[in-house]
Structure formats: structure tokens, C-alpha cells
């Protein structure tokens, strides 16, 4: 793969340059930051709040665990494909219109999930929920690229992860508490109301950040050509695959942990919620440390390497805990915390560097990032499910496999031993 992005269209700025007329680091209000964080968190929140209810969905719909896990997979597939459509669309039409349409459809799809009569209808509704909810993820990330450059973009991305990470941090706890007063359908009803609130706030507070003169009007051929050029860029692919495989490991935990904690280790829904919150804290906490401290002191590649190495070590420890050591729930939680901390270290610089490679097509680049994350994530629960629910080993093996793939992709494509200028440090 070539080391640099192929020449951009004549109307587009050069690789790595800030588009003309765009401020490098404008002041962004607290409310806008909260809204962007909520948009990026809403679709993942749709999975996390629902996780403690998975065993109850199996019982309530008189179905099998494997089919219920497909409701998670279908949402992930929807999130992946939805970003692939919405990202390029936002490059052509601006950010607001696709975002508002996506949030409207998300609210309606979530309400349909609450009313699903059987597991097959629920799988379809979850797919629609993911397709529409993808708009919040991909467009919020593109808005950040519209507003920020370089280190400022990476730092704001970590701030956004703090906001977006707070909701998933609390979501399983909230889901567990909701299950004490309502059924799994009530969880989706709450999500539908939340979607409506975020839709209204977005309409009132999120401005258009992509002016008409910077929009792309080449249609599908231009979009496909841009995607092909991005994927042919060795460094973009390095950052893309590092993030994608890293999140695959996280989704293996998301898909397998409800059964591991509640059925293998006989924990309660509330215990599972607490463990999930601790793991999420490792992800969000390290993302903050990386964005606010580490990126100002160390090279981006060194930070990414430390993150994916920690992720791989965590996967190895989880396998050993499940086979040789036969550890308890506390040790398992510690291994999962290390996994999340490694991903929190590698993710902010990887995402920022990937978007830095395509300033003239932030929506399309953001779509590729998100699509690969959720496609790899969509496969993870299915892989865990194939190993059965009798032990923690299937989840641990899938975590290790994804982590090793992230490390290998980073070493082969980013070549961190080569001395190169660091775009995030000027």
C-alpha cells in the first residue's frame, strides 16, 4: 500500500491540511460537547442498557440464547452499514439533515423493539435501530473533524469519549435497576424516550459545520473512489484496522459477558452491571489520560503500540484464567479492565490519525472507521456463541484473537519502529 493518500480532487485540500476557512481549534460550548457525546453514545447505549435483559428476553419470547444474541448482532450490522451510507451522505448534504433524519428513525425503530411480538421481529427492529442510530456516531465524529485539527482533534475526541462513555458506563446499572420494576420491553421504551429528547436537543443546538463550498457532489462513483483511495493508504488502513480489531475484542466481552457473569459465575444482574461499569471506567479513564496527558509527551505510535500490547496481554491472561488458573469473578474482572484500558489508550490517537489522513472527506473516513468497528464487532458475539455458554473460555479466546489481530495490523502497516513526523504533535 502507498504511504500517502493519492492526490485529492482539485477542489479538495491536500492530505493532512486543514480545509481553507476552517478554524483549527475553535471554542466549543459545553452543551454542544454534551450533545455530540450523547449522539455518539446513543446507539452503543442501545446495546449496553439491554445487556442485563438478554436472559429474560430468551425466557419472555420462549426462544433460544443463540437467537437472542442475534438481536445484538443485527444491531451491530445495522450500525456498520448505516455509517457506510450516512457518512458519505453527510459529505454531500451537510451534517444536519442526515443527522436529524437518522435520529427520528432511531426513535421510531426503538419504539417498535418494545412492541416486538417474537424474536424474529425483534431481530429486524434491532437492525433498523442500528441502521438509523449510526447517524449519531458517524456524523458526530465528522463534526469533530470539521472543527478541529491535529492534537486538538485527538484531545477533543478523548473529551467526547468521556461524555459518550459516561452513558454506557451507567447503562447496564440503569438496565439492571429497570429490570426490577419493568420487563425488557420497558428498557426499550426508556431508550425511545431518550432518543426523542436527543433528537429535539440536536435540532436546537447542533449547527451545520460543513458549508456548501466544502461539500462533495460526485455521487456514488466519487464516494466509492474516495473509499478505495482511503483503503489504499497504508497508514489509514493501519489506524482503521487497529481500532476495528480492538473494538472487536470489546464486543466479544459485550456479547459474552452477560452469560459468563450470570450463568457461569452465577452473578446477579446487578453484579453484572457493576462489572460492566468497571470495565467501561477502564476504557473511558485511559482515553482521558491518553488525550490530556500522554499525547502531549509521547509519540502517537508509541502510545498506540502500548495500547494494543496491553490489549493482547489482557486477552492472553483471560485465556489462562479460563483454562490453567480457573480464576474467580474478581480476577476475570481485572483482566477485562486491562483489556478496556488498552483499548482506551490506543483508540483516541488511532481515530484522530485516521481522520487526519482525509480532511476533505471526513464523513466518508468516519464511515469507514465506524463500519469496520461494528462489522468486526457484529461477528464477535456470534463467535462467542459458537463456543457455547458453559464457560468463560469462548469469550476469552475471541478477545485474544481480536487483540492479536489489532497488534499484528499495527506492526505490519504502521511500522512504529520507523522514525516519522507525528501529525498530532505538529
Protein backbone atom coordinates (compact mmCIF):
# COMPACT_ATOMS: atom_id res chain seq x y z
CA UNK A 1 0.00 0.00 0.00
CA UNK A 2 1.29 3.52 -0.69
CA UNK A 3 2.46 5.62 2.25
CA UNK A 4 0.48 8.69 1.25
CA UNK A 5 -3.07 9.32 0.21
CA UNK A 6 -3.48 9.67 -3.57
CA UNK A 7 -3.98 13.14 -4.92
CA UNK A 8 -7.29 14.61 -3.84
CA UNK A 9 -9.74 16.16 -6.29
CA UNK A 10 -8.82 19.67 -7.42
CA UNK A 11 -11.43 21.23 -5.16
CA UNK A 12 -10.16 19.34 -2.11
CA UNK A 13 -7.30 20.32 0.19
CA UNK A 14 -4.11 18.28 0.30
CA UNK A 15 -3.71 15.32 2.62
CA UNK A 16 -3.34 16.39 6.22
CA UNK A 17 -4.06 20.05 5.59
CA UNK A 18 -6.91 21.87 7.25
CA UNK A 19 -9.56 22.92 4.76
CA UNK A 20 -9.49 26.58 3.94
CA UNK A 21 -11.63 28.72 6.16
CA UNK A 22 -11.92 26.13 8.94
CA UNK A 23 -10.64 27.15 12.36
CA UNK A 24 -8.11 24.77 13.81
CA UNK A 25 -9.32 24.79 17.41
CA UNK A 26 -12.44 26.87 17.97
CA UNK A 27 -14.11 27.16 21.32
CA UNK A 28 -16.86 24.57 21.64
CA UNK A 29 -19.58 25.09 24.23
CA UNK A 30 -20.26 22.59 26.98
CA UNK A 31 -23.79 21.92 25.76
CA UNK A 32 -22.63 21.18 22.21
CA UNK A 33 -19.99 18.84 23.61
CA UNK A 34 -22.64 17.04 25.64
CA UNK A 35 -24.96 16.74 22.63
CA UNK A 36 -22.19 15.38 20.38
CA UNK A 37 -21.21 12.93 23.10
CA UNK A 38 -24.83 11.83 23.51
CA UNK A 39 -25.20 11.33 19.76
CA UNK A 40 -22.12 9.14 19.61
CA UNK A 41 -23.26 7.20 22.69
CA UNK A 42 -26.92 6.63 21.85
CA UNK A 43 -26.55 3.61 19.57
CA UNK A 44 -23.99 1.83 21.81
CA UNK A 45 -26.26 2.68 24.73
CA UNK A 46 -28.97 0.75 22.93
CA UNK A 47 -26.85 -2.37 23.38
CA UNK A 48 -25.44 -1.74 26.83
CA UNK A 49 -28.71 -0.97 28.64
CA UNK A 50 -30.22 -4.07 27.05
CA UNK A 51 -27.44 -6.48 28.04
CA UNK A 52 -28.67 -7.42 31.55
CA UNK A 53 -32.03 -8.31 29.96
CA UNK A 54 -30.70 -10.89 27.49
CA UNK A 55 -31.54 -13.95 29.61
CA UNK A 56 -35.03 -12.52 30.27
CA UNK A 57 -35.64 -11.94 26.57
CA UNK A 58 -34.85 -15.63 26.00
CA UNK A 59 -37.43 -16.61 28.58
CA UNK A 60 -40.02 -13.99 27.68
CA UNK A 61 -40.06 -14.76 23.96
CA UNK A 62 -39.75 -18.55 24.53
CA UNK A 63 -36.69 -18.81 22.30
CA UNK A 64 -33.02 -19.84 22.37
CA UNK A 65 -29.96 -17.97 23.63
CA UNK A 66 -28.36 -18.06 20.17
CA UNK A 67 -31.36 -16.32 18.59
CA UNK A 68 -31.40 -13.65 21.28
CA UNK A 69 -27.72 -13.00 20.69
CA UNK A 70 -28.65 -12.35 17.05
CA UNK A 71 -30.61 -9.32 18.26
CA UNK A 72 -27.25 -7.93 19.36
CA UNK A 73 -25.55 -8.96 16.11
CA UNK A 74 -28.30 -7.44 13.94
CA UNK A 75 -27.97 -4.11 15.75
CA UNK A 76 -24.21 -4.15 15.19
CA UNK A 77 -24.66 -4.95 11.49
CA UNK A 78 -27.11 -2.07 11.24
CA UNK A 79 -24.65 0.27 12.92
CA UNK A 80 -21.95 -0.78 10.46
CA UNK A 81 -23.98 -0.46 7.27
CA UNK A 82 -25.77 2.68 8.42
CA UNK A 83 -22.49 4.53 8.86
CA UNK A 84 -21.38 3.47 5.39
CA UNK A 85 -24.43 5.26 3.96
CA UNK A 86 -24.75 8.22 6.33
CA UNK A 87 -21.09 9.27 6.34
CA UNK A 88 -20.77 9.94 2.59
CA UNK A 89 -24.28 11.40 2.58
CA UNK A 90 -23.21 13.96 5.18
CA UNK A 91 -20.22 14.90 2.98
CA UNK A 92 -22.67 15.70 0.18
CA UNK A 93 -25.66 17.21 2.02
CA UNK A 94 -24.08 18.65 5.13
CA UNK A 95 -24.25 17.26 8.65
CA UNK A 96 -27.64 18.40 10.00
CA UNK A 97 -30.18 16.91 7.60
CA UNK A 98 -28.89 13.30 7.65
CA UNK A 99 -28.40 13.56 11.41
CA UNK A 100 -31.95 14.71 12.16
CA UNK A 101 -33.46 12.10 9.83
CA UNK A 102 -31.38 9.34 11.43
CA UNK A 103 -32.39 10.32 14.96
CA UNK A 104 -36.07 10.44 14.00
CA UNK A 105 -35.95 6.94 12.52
CA UNK A 106 -33.97 5.68 15.52
CA UNK A 107 -36.68 6.80 17.93
CA UNK A 108 -39.38 5.07 15.88
CA UNK A 109 -37.37 1.84 15.48
CA UNK A 110 -36.67 1.69 19.22
CA UNK A 111 -40.38 2.02 19.98
CA UNK A 112 -41.01 -0.91 17.61
CA UNK A 113 -38.44 -3.00 19.53
CA UNK A 114 -40.51 -2.52 22.69
CA UNK A 115 -43.59 -3.88 20.89
CA UNK A 116 -41.94 -6.84 19.07
CA UNK A 117 -44.16 -9.95 19.36
CA UNK A 118 -41.41 -12.52 18.75
CA UNK A 119 -37.66 -12.81 18.44
CA UNK A 120 -37.62 -12.61 14.62
CA UNK A 121 -39.45 -9.29 14.62
CA UNK A 122 -37.12 -8.08 17.36
CA UNK A 123 -34.08 -9.00 15.23
CA UNK A 124 -35.45 -6.93 12.32
CA UNK A 125 -36.32 -3.97 14.57
CA UNK A 126 -32.85 -4.06 16.09
CA UNK A 127 -31.36 -3.98 12.59
CA UNK A 128 -33.42 -0.86 11.80
CA UNK A 129 -32.43 0.63 15.14
CA UNK A 130 -28.76 0.18 14.29
CA UNK A 131 -29.12 1.48 10.72
CA UNK A 132 -30.71 4.72 11.90
CA UNK A 133 -28.70 5.15 15.10
CA UNK A 134 -25.48 5.00 13.08
CA UNK A 135 -26.06 8.62 12.04
CA UNK A 136 -25.22 9.87 15.53
CA UNK A 137 -21.90 8.03 15.65
CA UNK A 138 -20.54 8.85 12.21
CA UNK A 139 -21.74 12.45 11.98
CA UNK A 140 -20.63 13.46 15.47
CA UNK A 141 -17.13 12.23 14.60
CA UNK A 142 -17.22 14.12 11.28
CA UNK A 143 -18.29 17.30 13.10
CA UNK A 144 -15.20 16.99 15.31
CA UNK A 145 -13.03 16.74 12.18
CA UNK A 146 -14.81 19.79 10.74
CA UNK A 147 -13.92 21.81 13.83
CA UNK A 148 -10.51 20.55 14.93
CA UNK A 149 -7.07 19.60 13.62
CA UNK A 150 -4.12 17.55 14.87
CA UNK A 151 -3.59 17.27 18.62
CA UNK A 152 -6.69 19.40 19.27
CA UNK A 153 -8.78 16.83 17.37
CA UNK A 154 -7.33 13.93 19.38
CA UNK A 155 -7.90 15.74 22.66
CA UNK A 156 -11.46 16.65 21.80
CA UNK A 157 -12.06 13.06 20.70
CA UNK A 158 -10.97 11.92 24.16
CA UNK A 159 -13.29 14.51 25.73
CA UNK A 160 -16.09 13.21 23.55
CA UNK A 161 -15.29 9.69 24.72
CA UNK A 162 -15.66 10.91 28.31
CA UNK A 163 -19.16 12.17 27.55
CA UNK A 164 -20.16 9.27 25.31
CA UNK A 165 -18.53 6.79 27.69
CA UNK A 166 -20.44 8.04 30.72
CA UNK A 167 -23.73 6.75 29.31
CA UNK A 168 -22.54 3.17 28.60
CA UNK A 169 -20.82 3.27 31.99
CA UNK A 170 -24.17 3.80 33.69
CA UNK A 171 -26.33 1.95 31.15
CA UNK A 172 -26.03 -1.63 32.48
CA UNK A 173 -26.59 -0.35 36.02
CA UNK A 174 -29.68 1.52 34.84
CA UNK A 175 -30.77 -1.51 32.83
CA UNK A 176 -30.36 -3.77 35.84
CA UNK A 177 -32.39 -1.39 38.02
CA UNK A 178 -35.11 -1.04 35.37
CA UNK A 179 -35.47 -4.81 35.27
CA UNK A 180 -36.50 -4.71 38.91
CA UNK A 181 -39.57 -2.61 38.06
CA UNK A 182 -40.31 -3.47 34.44
CA UNK A 183 -39.71 -6.07 31.73
CA UNK A 184 -37.15 -5.96 28.95
CA UNK A 185 -39.75 -4.10 26.89
CA UNK A 186 -39.60 -1.25 29.37
CA UNK A 187 -35.87 -0.88 28.67
CA UNK A 188 -36.62 -0.19 25.01
CA UNK A 189 -39.43 2.23 25.97
CA UNK A 190 -36.95 4.26 28.02
CA UNK A 191 -34.49 4.26 25.11
CA UNK A 192 -37.21 5.52 22.76
CA UNK A 193 -37.96 8.44 25.07
CA UNK A 194 -34.24 9.19 25.36
CA UNK A 195 -33.94 9.14 21.56
CA UNK A 196 -36.74 11.70 21.30
CA UNK A 197 -35.06 14.00 23.82
CA UNK A 198 -31.72 13.84 22.00
CA UNK A 199 -33.48 14.47 18.67
CA UNK A 200 -35.05 17.68 19.97
CA UNK A 201 -31.79 18.85 21.57
CA UNK A 202 -29.89 18.14 18.37
CA UNK A 203 -32.34 20.14 16.30
CA UNK A 204 -31.93 23.10 18.64
CA UNK A 205 -28.20 23.02 19.42
CA UNK A 206 -26.11 21.31 16.71
CA UNK A 207 -25.16 23.78 13.94
CA UNK A 208 -24.20 22.96 10.38
CA UNK A 209 -20.40 22.59 10.35
CA UNK A 210 -19.89 21.74 6.67
CA UNK A 211 -20.52 24.79 4.46
CA UNK A 212 -21.80 24.25 0.90
CA UNK A 213 -18.47 25.08 -0.73
CA UNK A 214 -16.79 22.14 1.07
CA UNK A 215 -19.41 19.53 0.20
CA UNK A 216 -18.78 16.74 -2.29
CA UNK A 217 -21.22 16.34 -5.17
CA UNK A 218 -19.75 13.47 -7.19
CA UNK A 219 -22.40 10.96 -6.14
CA UNK A 220 -21.79 7.24 -5.68
CA UNK A 221 -18.80 6.99 -8.08
CA UNK A 222 -16.96 9.72 -6.17
CA UNK A 223 -17.80 8.08 -2.84
CA UNK A 224 -16.53 4.68 -3.98
CA UNK A 225 -13.38 6.24 -5.44
CA UNK A 226 -12.69 8.06 -2.17
CA UNK A 227 -13.18 4.87 -0.15
CA UNK A 228 -10.86 2.96 -2.45
CA UNK A 229 -8.18 5.65 -2.11
CA UNK A 230 -8.51 5.68 1.67
CA UNK A 231 -8.19 1.92 1.94
CA UNK A 232 -5.14 2.01 -0.35
CA UNK A 233 -3.43 4.39 2.09
CA UNK A 234 -1.18 2.20 4.25
CA UNK A 235 -1.31 4.41 7.35
CA UNK A 236 -5.06 4.98 7.17
CA UNK A 237 -5.56 1.21 6.95
CA UNK A 238 -3.22 0.71 9.91
CA UNK A 239 -5.25 3.03 12.13
CA UNK A 240 -8.54 1.67 10.77
CA UNK A 241 -7.71 -1.97 11.49
CA UNK A 242 -6.17 -1.19 14.88
CA UNK A 243 -9.40 0.46 16.05
CA UNK A 244 -11.66 -2.11 14.35
CA UNK A 245 -9.99 -5.21 15.79
CA UNK A 246 -9.64 -3.51 19.18
CA UNK A 247 -13.37 -2.88 19.31
CA UNK A 248 -13.97 -6.45 18.16
CA UNK A 249 -12.35 -7.57 21.41
CA UNK A 250 -14.62 -5.21 23.33
CA UNK A 251 -17.72 -6.56 21.59
CA UNK A 252 -16.67 -10.11 22.39
CA UNK A 253 -16.87 -9.03 26.03
CA UNK A 254 -20.21 -7.28 25.43
CA UNK A 255 -21.73 -10.31 23.74
CA UNK A 256 -20.38 -12.98 26.07
CA UNK A 257 -20.23 -11.35 29.49
CA UNK A 258 -23.97 -11.42 30.39
CA UNK A 259 -23.92 -15.21 30.19
CA UNK A 260 -20.43 -15.62 31.67
CA UNK A 261 -21.20 -13.49 34.72
CA UNK A 262 -24.79 -14.56 35.34
CA UNK A 263 -24.76 -18.22 34.26
CA UNK A 264 -21.13 -19.41 34.54
CA UNK A 265 -20.25 -17.47 37.72
CA UNK A 266 -23.87 -17.26 38.98
CA UNK A 267 -23.75 -13.49 39.49
CA UNK A 268 -26.84 -11.31 39.62
CA UNK A 269 -27.90 -8.76 37.01
CA UNK A 270 -26.77 -6.04 39.41
CA UNK A 271 -23.32 -7.65 39.83
CA UNK A 272 -23.01 -7.85 36.07
CA UNK A 273 -23.93 -4.17 35.80
CA UNK A 274 -21.20 -3.25 38.30
CA UNK A 275 -18.56 -5.30 36.45
CA UNK A 276 -19.57 -3.73 33.17
CA UNK A 277 -19.29 -0.28 34.73
CA UNK A 278 -15.76 -1.04 35.99
CA UNK A 279 -14.70 -2.22 32.54
CA UNK A 280 -16.18 0.88 30.93
CA UNK A 281 -14.35 3.00 33.51
CA UNK A 282 -11.06 1.49 32.33
CA UNK A 283 -11.90 2.41 28.73
CA UNK A 284 -13.01 5.97 29.45
CA UNK A 285 -10.36 6.66 32.09
CA UNK A 286 -7.45 5.66 29.88
CA UNK A 287 -8.92 7.59 26.95
CA UNK A 288 -8.87 10.71 29.12
CA UNK A 289 -5.33 10.09 30.33
CA UNK A 290 -4.20 9.49 26.75
CA UNK A 291 -5.83 12.61 25.33
CA UNK A 292 -4.95 15.02 28.11
CA UNK A 293 -1.51 13.80 29.20
CA UNK A 294 0.16 11.09 27.13
CA UNK A 295 -0.34 12.61 23.66
CA UNK A 296 1.48 15.74 24.76
CA UNK A 297 4.52 13.79 25.99
CA UNK A 298 4.93 10.71 23.80
CA UNK A 299 4.65 9.92 20.09
CA UNK A 300 1.31 8.73 18.79
CA UNK A 301 2.74 5.45 17.51
CA UNK A 302 4.35 4.66 20.86
CA UNK A 303 1.05 5.23 22.64
CA UNK A 304 -0.85 3.09 20.14
CA UNK A 305 1.70 0.29 20.48
CA UNK A 306 1.41 0.34 24.27
CA UNK A 307 -2.37 0.18 23.97
CA UNK A 308 -2.59 -2.79 21.59
CA UNK A 309 0.15 -4.63 23.51
CA UNK A 310 -1.87 -4.23 26.74
CA UNK A 311 -4.98 -5.40 24.91
CA UNK A 312 -3.20 -8.55 23.72
CA UNK A 313 -1.75 -9.25 27.17
CA UNK A 314 -5.24 -8.98 28.64
CA UNK A 315 -6.58 -11.49 26.12
CA UNK A 316 -3.81 -13.94 26.98
CA UNK A 317 -4.47 -13.54 30.71
CA UNK A 318 -8.21 -14.15 30.18
CA UNK A 319 -7.47 -17.42 28.36
CA UNK A 320 -5.12 -18.55 31.12
CA UNK A 321 -7.68 -17.64 33.77
CA UNK A 322 -10.25 -19.77 31.99
CA UNK A 323 -8.02 -22.83 31.46
CA UNK A 324 -4.95 -23.12 33.67
CA UNK A 325 -5.78 -20.96 36.68
CA UNK A 326 -9.60 -21.36 36.85
CA UNK A 327 -9.85 -17.93 38.42
CA UNK A 328 -12.92 -16.41 40.02
CA UNK A 329 -15.05 -13.44 39.09
CA UNK A 330 -12.72 -10.85 40.64
CA UNK A 331 -9.72 -11.98 38.57
CA UNK A 332 -11.85 -12.10 35.44
CA UNK A 333 -12.96 -8.52 36.09
CA UNK A 334 -9.32 -7.41 36.46
CA UNK A 335 -8.43 -8.98 33.10
CA UNK A 336 -11.39 -7.31 31.42
CA UNK A 337 -10.41 -3.98 32.97
CA UNK A 338 -6.90 -4.31 31.46
CA UNK A 339 -8.46 -5.11 28.08
CA UNK A 340 -10.59 -1.95 28.18
CA UNK A 341 -7.68 0.18 29.38
CA UNK A 342 -5.56 -0.97 26.44
CA UNK A 343 -8.31 -0.08 24.00
CA UNK A 344 -8.81 3.29 25.71
CA UNK A 345 -5.11 4.01 25.20
CA UNK A 346 -4.96 3.05 21.52
CA UNK A 347 -8.31 4.34 20.30
CA UNK A 348 -8.09 8.19 20.54
CA UNK A 349 -4.81 8.58 18.60
CA UNK A 350 -5.81 5.91 16.08
CA UNK A 351 -9.15 7.55 15.29
CA UNK A 352 -7.68 11.06 15.13
CA UNK A 353 -4.80 9.99 12.89
CA UNK A 354 -7.18 8.16 10.54
CA UNK A 355 -9.37 11.25 10.13
CA UNK A 356 -6.24 13.38 9.75
CA UNK A 357 -5.50 11.45 6.57
CA UNK A 358 -8.71 12.68 4.88
CA UNK A 359 -9.59 16.29 5.75
CA UNK A 360 -11.57 16.65 2.52
CA UNK A 361 -13.79 13.59 3.19
CA UNK A 362 -14.24 13.38 6.96
CA UNK A 363 -17.70 11.83 6.70
CA UNK A 364 -16.51 9.06 4.41
CA UNK A 365 -13.42 8.36 6.52
CA UNK A 366 -15.55 8.36 9.67
CA UNK A 367 -17.96 5.96 7.99
CA UNK A 368 -15.16 3.51 7.17
CA UNK A 369 -13.89 3.70 10.74
CA UNK A 370 -17.31 3.05 12.21
CA UNK A 371 -18.30 0.41 9.68
CA UNK A 372 -15.19 -1.65 10.29
CA UNK A 373 -15.61 -1.33 14.06
CA UNK A 374 -19.15 -2.61 14.04
CA UNK A 375 -18.65 -5.25 11.36
CA UNK A 376 -15.87 -6.83 13.39
CA UNK A 377 -18.00 -6.28 16.48
CA UNK A 378 -21.03 -7.91 14.89
CA UNK A 379 -19.08 -11.12 14.29
CA UNK A 380 -17.71 -11.27 17.85
CA UNK A 381 -20.91 -12.28 19.74
CA UNK A 382 -21.64 -14.94 17.13
CA UNK A 383 -18.13 -16.36 17.54
CA UNK A 384 -18.54 -16.40 21.31
CA UNK A 385 -21.91 -18.09 20.91
CA UNK A 386 -20.43 -20.85 18.76
CA UNK A 387 -18.24 -21.86 21.68
CA UNK A 388 -21.25 -22.41 23.93
CA UNK A 389 -22.22 -20.78 27.22
CA UNK A 390 -20.72 -23.31 29.63
CA UNK A 391 -17.50 -21.45 30.44
CA UNK A 392 -15.65 -18.15 30.03
CA UNK A 393 -13.19 -19.70 27.55
CA UNK A 394 -15.05 -18.89 24.30
CA UNK A 395 -15.23 -15.20 25.24
CA UNK A 396 -11.56 -15.18 26.29
CA UNK A 397 -10.39 -16.85 23.07
CA UNK A 398 -12.29 -14.38 20.88
CA UNK A 399 -10.91 -11.42 22.87
CA UNK A 400 -7.37 -12.76 22.41
CA UNK A 401 -7.89 -13.38 18.69
CA UNK A 402 -9.10 -9.85 18.01
CA UNK A 403 -6.40 -8.31 20.20
CA UNK A 404 -3.65 -10.23 18.40
CA UNK A 405 -5.09 -9.14 15.04
CA UNK A 406 -5.01 -5.48 16.16
CA UNK A 407 -1.38 -5.80 17.27
CA UNK A 408 -0.35 -7.53 14.04
CA UNK A 409 -2.13 -4.98 11.82
CA UNK A 410 -0.48 -2.09 13.66
CA UNK A 411 3.01 -3.59 13.49
CA UNK A 412 2.79 -4.57 9.80
CA UNK A 413 1.12 -1.42 8.46
CA UNK A 414 2.09 1.41 10.83
CA UNK A 415 5.70 0.19 11.22
CA UNK A 416 6.16 2.06 14.52
CA UNK A 417 9.90 1.47 14.56
CA UNK A 418 10.34 3.85 11.60
CA UNK A 419 11.04 7.49 12.55
CA UNK A 420 8.28 9.63 11.01
CA UNK A 421 6.80 13.06 11.87
CA UNK A 422 3.89 12.86 14.28
CA UNK A 423 0.89 14.77 12.84
CA UNK A 424 -0.76 15.00 16.26
CA UNK A 425 2.23 16.76 17.80
CA UNK A 426 2.89 19.21 14.98
